Amino acid sequence: MVWDANPEPNIAGYRLHLGVGSGTYDTVIDVGEDTEFFLSQLNEEYRYYIAITAYNSFGIESGFSRELIVSAAGFDPRPALTVTGFSRGEGGVLNFDLLGGDDLPSKFEVQVSEDLVHWSYLQSVRAVGESFTIIDPLAAVRPKRFYRLNDGTSGSLVPKLSVTRLVRGAGGNVSFQLSGGDGFPKDVRVYASEDLKSWTLLQIVERVSSSLTIQDPLAATQSRRFYRLEYPD
């Protein structure tokens, strides 16, 4: 993949952020001053989500670029669908601003929750452009209301389980912070890889909550370790 160089004169390099979930990048590759990188040995069973950041000579890093999607079958130039703005108005009015270019679905189902576990249907919206407005009668009287979008084809835009943070500690400890949009699964299988192609089962974790910690004996000795979580439907 190739990207445009930043115009600032003190740019020192770029980092490529890679993951198997939208907005979740558990692999970071420092490519130096290059503005291109060749991705190899991708698993054809997965889509990979990529964003680029730039950093300057003081070590200050930029925000993420627009997210791109890559698979073993080739490059998908469509940006991932993203809610870029959200505001609440009087009378339960909700305003959503979207990023998705020409590939925005023609219909959304808006779902609502008060605990990020139990979700209920709120409203269907047709002919969606780059923004839309709906009314939630309970928005003005409930202290917490969470919203997610479902396009009717690819499922919820909030995955059942997503990794929001990964921390490697001493002694091979690997900790995952999790978000469970549809409730946490009963058990999770944690796999590890060094090349994103061959995966090894590390551990089966039961009674998963918002975080889990495992032991990976090779985490301290291998320069690159990739992880993925699987769970039964």
C-alpha atoms as a PDB file:
ATOM      1  CA  MET A   1       0.000   0.000   0.000  1.00  0.00           C
ATOM      2  CA  VAL A   2       1.110   3.581  -0.680  1.00  0.00           C
ATOM      3  CA  TRP A   3       0.136   6.859   0.975  1.00  0.00           C
ATOM      4  CA  ASP A   4       0.917  10.546   0.481  1.00  0.00           C
ATOM      5  CA  ALA A   5       3.723  12.084   2.507  1.00  0.00           C
ATOM      6  CA  ASN A   6       2.802  14.656   5.137  1.00  0.00           C
ATOM      7  CA  PRO A   7       3.699  18.215   4.113  1.00  0.00           C
ATOM      8  CA  GLU A   8       5.264  19.200   7.464  1.00  0.00           C
ATOM      9  CA  PRO A   9       9.065  19.654   7.191  1.00  0.00           C
ATOM     10  CA  ASN A  10       9.927  17.840  10.444  1.00  0.00           C
ATOM     11  CA  ILE A  11       8.176  14.521   9.768  1.00  0.00           C
ATOM     12  CA  ALA A  12      10.466  11.734  10.991  1.00  0.00           C
ATOM     13  CA  GLY A  13       8.472   8.691   9.972  1.00  0.00           C
ATOM     14  CA  TYR A  14       5.226   6.776   9.771  1.00  0.00           C
ATOM     15  CA  ARG A  15       3.562   3.930  11.645  1.00  0.00           C
ATOM     16  CA  LEU A  16       1.200   1.404  10.135  1.00  0.00           C
ATOM     17  CA  HIS A  17      -1.521   0.212  12.529  1.00  0.00           C
ATOM     18  CA  LEU A  18      -3.096  -3.160  11.711  1.00  0.00           C
ATOM     19  CA  GLY A  19      -5.901  -5.209  13.233  1.00  0.00           C
ATOM     20  CA  VAL A  20      -8.703  -7.608  12.415  1.00  0.00           C
ATOM     21  CA  GLY A  21     -11.416  -5.333  13.818  1.00  0.00           C
ATOM     22  CA  SER A  22     -12.426  -1.837  12.794  1.00  0.00           C
ATOM     23  CA  GLY A  23     -10.673   0.723  14.994  1.00  0.00           C
ATOM     24  CA  THR A  24      -8.819  -2.013  16.917  1.00  0.00           C
ATOM     25  CA  TYR A  25      -5.140  -2.105  15.960  1.00  0.00           C
ATOM     26  CA  ASP A  26      -3.163  -4.652  17.935  1.00  0.00           C
ATOM     27  CA  THR A  27      -0.137  -4.509  15.626  1.00  0.00           C
ATOM     28  CA  VAL A  28       1.994  -1.412  15.007  1.00  0.00           C
ATOM     29  CA  ILE A  29       4.758  -1.354  12.386  1.00  0.00           C
ATOM     30  CA  ASP A  30       7.216   1.539  12.233  1.00  0.00           C
ATOM     31  CA  VAL A  31       8.055   1.940   8.542  1.00  0.00           C
ATOM     32  CA  GLY A  32      10.432   4.871   9.002  1.00  0.00           C
ATOM     33  CA  GLU A  33      10.388   7.541   6.313  1.00  0.00           C
ATOM     34  CA  ASP A  34       8.916   5.226   3.666  1.00  0.00           C
ATOM     35  CA  THR A  35       5.466   6.042   2.316  1.00  0.00           C
ATOM     36  CA  GLU A  36       4.733   2.518   1.139  1.00  0.00           C
ATOM     37  CA  PHE A  37       4.600  -0.918   2.715  1.00  0.00           C
ATOM     38  CA  PHE A  38       4.048  -4.390   1.315  1.00  0.00           C
ATOM     39  CA  LEU A  39       1.679  -6.567   3.332  1.00  0.00           C
ATOM     40  CA  SER A  40       2.336 -10.283   3.005  1.00  0.00           C
ATOM     41  CA  GLN A  41       1.170 -13.577   4.490  1.00  0.00           C
ATOM     42  CA  LEU A  42      -2.338 -12.354   5.174  1.00  0.00           C
ATOM     43  CA  ASN A  43      -4.869 -14.954   6.240  1.00  0.00           C
ATOM     44  CA  GLU A  44      -7.585 -15.080   3.579  1.00  0.00           C
ATOM     45  CA  GLU A  45     -10.198 -15.812   6.234  1.00  0.00           C
ATOM     46  CA  TYR A  46      -9.883 -12.294   7.658  1.00  0.00           C
ATOM     47  CA  ARG A  47     -10.241  -8.704   6.662  1.00  0.00           C
ATOM     48  CA  TYR A  48      -7.517  -6.453   8.008  1.00  0.00           C
ATOM     49  CA  TYR A  49      -8.152  -2.862   9.045  1.00  0.00           C
ATOM     50  CA  ILE A  50      -5.320  -0.381   8.574  1.00  0.00           C
ATOM     51  CA  ALA A  51      -4.624   3.212   9.551  1.00  0.00           C
ATOM     52  CA  ILE A  52      -1.476   5.314   9.201  1.00  0.00           C
ATOM     53  CA  THR A  53      -0.025   7.839  11.636  1.00  0.00           C
ATOM     54  CA  ALA A  54       2.901  10.199  11.197  1.00  0.00           C
ATOM     55  CA  TYR A  55       5.347  11.295  13.889  1.00  0.00           C
ATOM     56  CA  ASN A  56       7.772  14.187  13.927  1.00  0.00           C
ATOM     57  CA  SER A  57      11.317  14.628  15.183  1.00  0.00           C
ATOM     58  CA  PHE A  58      10.009  15.385  18.695  1.00  0.00           C
ATOM     59  CA  GLY A  59       8.160  12.049  18.820  1.00  0.00           C
ATOM     60  CA  ILE A  60       4.723  13.664  18.574  1.00  0.00           C
ATOM     61  CA  GLU A  61       2.338  11.371  16.701  1.00  0.00           C
ATOM     62  CA  SER A  62      -0.602  12.404  14.549  1.00  0.00           C
ATOM     63  CA  GLY A  63      -4.120  11.063  14.702  1.00  0.00           C
ATOM     64  CA  PHE A  64      -5.146   8.062  12.612  1.00  0.00           C
ATOM     65  CA  SER A  65      -5.682   8.390   8.881  1.00  0.00           C
ATOM     66  CA  ARG A  66      -8.917   7.240   7.305  1.00  0.00           C
ATOM     67  CA  GLU A  67      -9.244   3.519   7.905  1.00  0.00           C
ATOM     68  CA  LEU A  68      -8.669   1.159   4.984  1.00  0.00           C
ATOM     69  CA  ILE A  69      -9.629  -2.480   4.549  1.00  0.00           C
ATOM     70  CA  VAL A  70      -7.253  -5.098   3.163  1.00  0.00           C
ATOM     71  CA  SER A  71      -7.815  -8.791   2.496  1.00  0.00           C
ATOM     72  CA  ALA A  72      -5.824 -11.594   0.909  1.00  0.00           C
ATOM     73  CA  ALA A  73      -8.058 -11.194  -2.144  1.00  0.00           C
ATOM     74  CA  GLY A  74      -6.918  -7.609  -2.624  1.00  0.00           C
ATOM     75  CA  PHE A  75      -7.383  -4.050  -1.490  1.00  0.00           C
ATOM     76  CA  ASP A  76     -10.798  -2.630  -0.686  1.00  0.00           C
ATOM     77  CA  PRO A  77     -10.638   1.170  -1.089  1.00  0.00           C
ATOM     78  CA  ARG A  78     -13.936   1.786   0.664  1.00  0.00           C
ATOM     79  CA  PRO A  79     -13.567   3.562   4.010  1.00  0.00           C
ATOM     80  CA  ALA A  80     -15.089   1.806   6.988  1.00  0.00           C
ATOM     81  CA  LEU A  81     -18.465   3.268   7.964  1.00  0.00           C
ATOM     82  CA  THR A  82     -17.915   5.577  10.902  1.00  0.00           C
ATOM     83  CA  VAL A  83     -20.088   7.860  13.029  1.00  0.00           C
ATOM     84  CA  THR A  84     -18.146  11.125  12.937  1.00  0.00           C
ATOM     85  CA  GLY A  85     -20.598  13.279  14.877  1.00  0.00           C
ATOM     86  CA  PHE A  86     -23.448  12.796  17.314  1.00  0.00           C
ATOM     87  CA  SER A  87     -25.607  15.345  19.126  1.00  0.00           C
ATOM     88  CA  ARG A  88     -28.802  15.381  21.175  1.00  0.00           C
ATOM     89  CA  GLY A  89     -31.447  18.023  20.729  1.00  0.00           C
ATOM     90  CA  GLU A  90     -34.616  18.932  22.584  1.00  0.00           C
ATOM     91  CA  GLY A  91     -37.501  16.495  22.673  1.00  0.00           C
ATOM     92  CA  GLY A  92     -35.313  13.423  22.218  1.00  0.00           C
ATOM     93  CA  VAL A  93     -33.932  14.469  18.813  1.00  0.00           C
ATOM     94  CA  LEU A  94     -30.718  12.630  17.883  1.00  0.00           C
ATOM     95  CA  ASN A  95     -28.416  13.735  15.052  1.00  0.00           C
ATOM     96  CA  PHE A  96     -25.867  11.382  13.476  1.00  0.00           C
ATOM     97  CA  ASP A  97     -23.104  12.380  11.043  1.00  0.00           C
ATOM     98  CA  LEU A  98     -21.557   9.527   9.030  1.00  0.00           C
ATOM     99  CA  LEU A  99     -18.427   8.786   7.027  1.00  0.00           C
ATOM    100  CA  GLY A 100     -18.767   6.242   4.243  1.00  0.00           C
ATOM    101  CA  GLY A 101     -18.695   7.964   0.886  1.00  0.00           C
ATOM    102  CA  ASP A 102     -20.781   6.387  -1.880  1.00  0.00           C
ATOM    103  CA  ASP A 103     -20.980   3.062  -0.079  1.00  0.00           C
ATOM    104  CA  LEU A 104     -23.358   4.094   2.676  1.00  0.00           C
ATOM    105  CA  PRO A 105     -26.214   1.585   2.961  1.00  0.00           C
ATOM    106  CA  SER A 106     -29.652   2.762   1.892  1.00  0.00           C
ATOM    107  CA  LYS A 107     -31.186   1.666   5.183  1.00  0.00           C
ATOM    108  CA  PHE A 108     -30.168   1.526   8.834  1.00  0.00           C
ATOM    109  CA  GLU A 109     -31.720   0.027  11.896  1.00  0.00           C
ATOM    110  CA  VAL A 110     -30.956   2.096  14.994  1.00  0.00           C
ATOM    111  CA  GLN A 111     -30.740   0.135  18.238  1.00  0.00           C
ATOM    112  CA  VAL A 112     -30.568   1.448  21.787  1.00  0.00           C
ATOM    113  CA  SER A 113     -29.270   0.175  25.120  1.00  0.00           C
ATOM    114  CA  GLU A 114     -28.845   1.406  28.683  1.00  0.00           C
ATOM    115  CA  ASP A 115     -26.150  -1.084  29.713  1.00  0.00           C
ATOM    116  CA  LEU A 116     -24.315  -2.067  26.471  1.00  0.00           C
ATOM    117  CA  VAL A 117     -25.576  -5.627  27.001  1.00  0.00           C
ATOM    118  CA  HIS A 118     -29.291  -5.595  26.215  1.00  0.00           C
ATOM    119  CA  TRP A 119     -30.191  -3.898  22.927  1.00  0.00           C
ATOM    120  CA  SER A 120     -33.615  -3.083  21.530  1.00  0.00           C
ATOM    121  CA  TYR A 121     -34.919  -1.815  18.200  1.00  0.00           C
ATOM    122  CA  LEU A 122     -35.539   1.932  18.075  1.00  0.00           C
ATOM    123  CA  GLN A 123     -36.161   2.972  14.468  1.00  0.00           C
ATOM    124  CA  SER A 124     -35.433   2.182  10.817  1.00  0.00           C
ATOM    125  CA  VAL A 125     -34.043   4.954   8.634  1.00  0.00           C
ATOM    126  CA  ARG A 126     -34.201   4.839   4.826  1.00  0.00           C
ATOM    127  CA  ALA A 127     -32.294   6.761   2.147  1.00  0.00           C
ATOM    128  CA  VAL A 128     -29.421   7.506   4.494  1.00  0.00           C
ATOM    129  CA  GLY A 129     -26.941  10.158   3.352  1.00  0.00           C
ATOM    130  CA  GLU A 130     -24.027  11.540   5.310  1.00  0.00           C
ATOM    131  CA  SER A 131     -26.342  12.476   8.186  1.00  0.00           C
ATOM    132  CA  PHE A 132     -29.725  11.564   9.570  1.00  0.00           C
ATOM    133  CA  THR A 133     -31.997  12.479  12.486  1.00  0.00           C
ATOM    134  CA  ILE A 134     -34.282  10.328  14.619  1.00  0.00           C
ATOM    135  CA  ILE A 135     -36.281  10.753  17.827  1.00  0.00           C
ATOM    136  CA  ASP A 136     -35.763   8.709  20.981  1.00  0.00           C
ATOM    137  CA  PRO A 137     -38.606   9.556  23.405  1.00  0.00           C
ATOM    138  CA  LEU A 138     -36.595   8.345  26.407  1.00  0.00           C
ATOM    139  CA  ALA A 139     -33.389  10.246  25.604  1.00  0.00           C
ATOM    140  CA  ALA A 140     -34.420  13.231  27.711  1.00  0.00           C
ATOM    141  CA  VAL A 141     -35.384  11.258  30.834  1.00  0.00           C
ATOM    142  CA  ARG A 142     -32.833   8.433  31.025  1.00  0.00           C
ATOM    143  CA  PRO A 143     -29.312   9.263  32.308  1.00  0.00           C
ATOM    144  CA  LYS A 144     -27.544   6.821  29.975  1.00  0.00           C
ATOM    145  CA  ARG A 145     -28.578   5.848  26.462  1.00  0.00           C
ATOM    146  CA  PHE A 146     -26.223   4.109  24.010  1.00  0.00           C
ATOM    147  CA  TYR A 147     -26.866   3.732  20.273  1.00  0.00           C
ATOM    148  CA  ARG A 148     -25.586   1.489  17.516  1.00  0.00           C
ATOM    149  CA  LEU A 149     -26.357   1.043  13.817  1.00  0.00           C
ATOM    150  CA  ASN A 150     -27.203  -2.118  11.923  1.00  0.00           C
ATOM    151  CA  ASP A 151     -27.245  -2.003   8.121  1.00  0.00           C
ATOM    152  CA  GLY A 152     -29.303  -5.191   7.760  1.00  0.00           C
ATOM    153  CA  THR A 153     -26.621  -7.070   5.799  1.00  0.00           C
ATOM    154  CA  SER A 154     -23.327  -7.093   7.625  1.00  0.00           C
ATOM    155  CA  GLY A 155     -24.846  -7.127  11.082  1.00  0.00           C
ATOM    156  CA  SER A 156     -24.281  -4.729  13.913  1.00  0.00           C
ATOM    157  CA  LEU A 157     -21.541  -2.155  13.491  1.00  0.00           C
ATOM    158  CA  VAL A 158     -20.671  -2.884  17.112  1.00  0.00           C
ATOM    159  CA  PRO A 159     -19.106  -6.359  17.285  1.00  0.00           C
ATOM    160  CA  LYS A 160     -20.140  -8.860  19.936  1.00  0.00           C
ATOM    161  CA  LEU A 161     -16.653  -8.750  21.360  1.00  0.00           C
ATOM    162  CA  SER A 162     -13.899  -6.283  20.537  1.00  0.00           C
ATOM    163  CA  VAL A 163     -10.478  -5.601  22.018  1.00  0.00           C
ATOM    164  CA  THR A 164     -10.187  -1.973  23.100  1.00  0.00           C
ATOM    165  CA  ARG A 165      -6.698  -2.253  24.581  1.00  0.00           C
ATOM    166  CA  LEU A 166      -3.866  -4.781  24.783  1.00  0.00           C
ATOM    167  CA  VAL A 167      -1.066  -4.554  27.351  1.00  0.00           C
ATOM    168  CA  ARG A 168       1.999  -6.790  27.613  1.00  0.00           C
ATOM    169  CA  GLY A 169       3.399  -7.146  31.107  1.00  0.00           C
ATOM    170  CA  ALA A 170       6.341  -8.854  32.745  1.00  0.00           C
ATOM    171  CA  GLY A 171       6.697 -12.612  32.673  1.00  0.00           C
ATOM    172  CA  GLY A 172       4.633 -13.103  29.533  1.00  0.00           C
ATOM    173  CA  ASN A 173       1.434 -11.607  30.932  1.00  0.00           C
ATOM    174  CA  VAL A 174      -0.872 -10.334  28.177  1.00  0.00           C
ATOM    175  CA  SER A 175      -3.945  -8.359  29.237  1.00  0.00           C
ATOM    176  CA  PHE A 176      -6.929  -7.553  27.030  1.00  0.00           C
ATOM    177  CA  GLN A 177      -9.493  -4.846  27.723  1.00  0.00           C
ATOM    178  CA  LEU A 178     -12.767  -5.835  26.083  1.00  0.00           C
ATOM    179  CA  SER A 179     -16.015  -4.322  24.909  1.00  0.00           C
ATOM    180  CA  GLY A 180     -19.038  -6.608  24.629  1.00  0.00           C
ATOM    181  CA  GLY A 181     -21.755  -4.968  22.585  1.00  0.00           C
ATOM    182  CA  ASP A 182     -24.101  -7.978  22.716  1.00  0.00           C
ATOM    183  CA  GLY A 183     -22.927  -9.336  26.056  1.00  0.00           C
ATOM    184  CA  PHE A 184     -19.752 -11.224  26.774  1.00  0.00           C
ATOM    185  CA  PRO A 185     -19.522 -14.837  25.553  1.00  0.00           C
ATOM    186  CA  LYS A 186     -19.178 -17.649  28.085  1.00  0.00           C
ATOM    187  CA  ASP A 187     -15.730 -18.633  26.928  1.00  0.00           C
ATOM    188  CA  VAL A 188     -13.060 -17.263  24.600  1.00  0.00           C
ATOM    189  CA  ARG A 189     -10.194 -19.013  22.822  1.00  0.00           C
ATOM    190  CA  VAL A 190      -7.016 -16.940  22.605  1.00  0.00           C
ATOM    191  CA  TYR A 191      -4.689 -17.688  19.672  1.00  0.00           C
ATOM    192  CA  ALA A 192      -1.189 -16.361  18.931  1.00  0.00           C
ATOM    193  CA  SER A 193       0.785 -16.030  15.719  1.00  0.00           C
ATOM    194  CA  GLU A 194       4.099 -14.628  14.522  1.00  0.00           C
ATOM    195  CA  ASP A 195       3.135 -14.247  10.860  1.00  0.00           C
ATOM    196  CA  LEU A 196      -0.681 -13.813  10.794  1.00  0.00           C
ATOM    197  CA  LYS A 197      -0.830 -17.150   8.977  1.00  0.00           C
ATOM    198  CA  SER A 198      -0.112 -19.980  11.423  1.00  0.00           C
ATOM    199  CA  TRP A 199      -2.067 -19.694  14.672  1.00  0.00           C
ATOM    200  CA  THR A 200      -1.555 -21.561  17.958  1.00  0.00           C
ATOM    201  CA  LEU A 201      -4.153 -21.947  20.676  1.00  0.00           C
ATOM    202  CA  LEU A 202      -2.766 -20.406  23.871  1.00  0.00           C
ATOM    203  CA  GLN A 203      -5.608 -20.640  26.319  1.00  0.00           C
ATOM    204  CA  ILE A 204      -9.359 -21.063  26.729  1.00  0.00           C
ATOM    205  CA  VAL A 205     -10.753 -18.458  29.112  1.00  0.00           C
ATOM    206  CA  GLU A 206     -14.110 -19.082  30.768  1.00  0.00           C
ATOM    207  CA  ARG A 207     -16.502 -16.551  32.285  1.00  0.00           C
ATOM    208  CA  VAL A 208     -15.170 -13.617  30.266  1.00  0.00           C
ATOM    209  CA  SER A 209     -15.880 -10.092  31.506  1.00  0.00           C
ATOM    210  CA  SER A 210     -14.559  -6.690  30.500  1.00  0.00           C
ATOM    211  CA  SER A 211     -10.931  -7.821  30.799  1.00  0.00           C
ATOM    212  CA  LEU A 212      -8.870 -10.988  30.695  1.00  0.00           C
ATOM    213  CA  THR A 213      -5.225 -11.855  31.285  1.00  0.00           C
ATOM    214  CA  ILE A 214      -3.340 -14.817  29.879  1.00  0.00           C
ATOM    215  CA  GLN A 215       0.183 -16.182  29.969  1.00  0.00           C
ATOM    216  CA  ASP A 216       2.146 -16.284  26.717  1.00  0.00           C
ATOM    217  CA  PRO A 217       5.604 -17.778  27.379  1.00  0.00           C
ATOM    218  CA  LEU A 218       6.949 -16.426  24.082  1.00  0.00           C
ATOM    219  CA  ALA A 219       5.727 -12.843  24.509  1.00  0.00           C
ATOM    220  CA  ALA A 220       8.949 -11.720  26.146  1.00  0.00           C
ATOM    221  CA  THR A 221      11.289 -13.342  23.609  1.00  0.00           C
ATOM    222  CA  GLN A 222       9.585 -12.868  20.243  1.00  0.00           C
ATOM    223  CA  SER A 223       9.755  -9.463  18.551  1.00  0.00           C
ATOM    224  CA  ARG A 224       6.308  -9.845  17.021  1.00  0.00           C
ATOM    225  CA  ARG A 225       3.304 -11.619  18.490  1.00  0.00           C
ATOM    226  CA  PHE A 226      -0.209 -11.282  17.098  1.00  0.00           C
ATOM    227  CA  TYR A 227      -3.315 -12.323  19.003  1.00  0.00           C
ATOM    228  CA  ARG A 228      -6.882 -13.079  18.063  1.00  0.00           C
ATOM    229  CA  LEU A 229      -9.929 -14.036  20.090  1.00  0.00           C
ATOM    230  CA  GLU A 230     -12.562 -16.543  19.003  1.00  0.00           C
ATOM    231  CA  TYR A 231     -15.790 -17.470  20.691  1.00  0.00           C
ATOM    232  CA  PRO A 232     -18.797 -19.657  19.839  1.00  0.00           C
ATOM    233  CA  ASP A 233     -21.842 -17.977  18.309  1.00  0.00           C
END
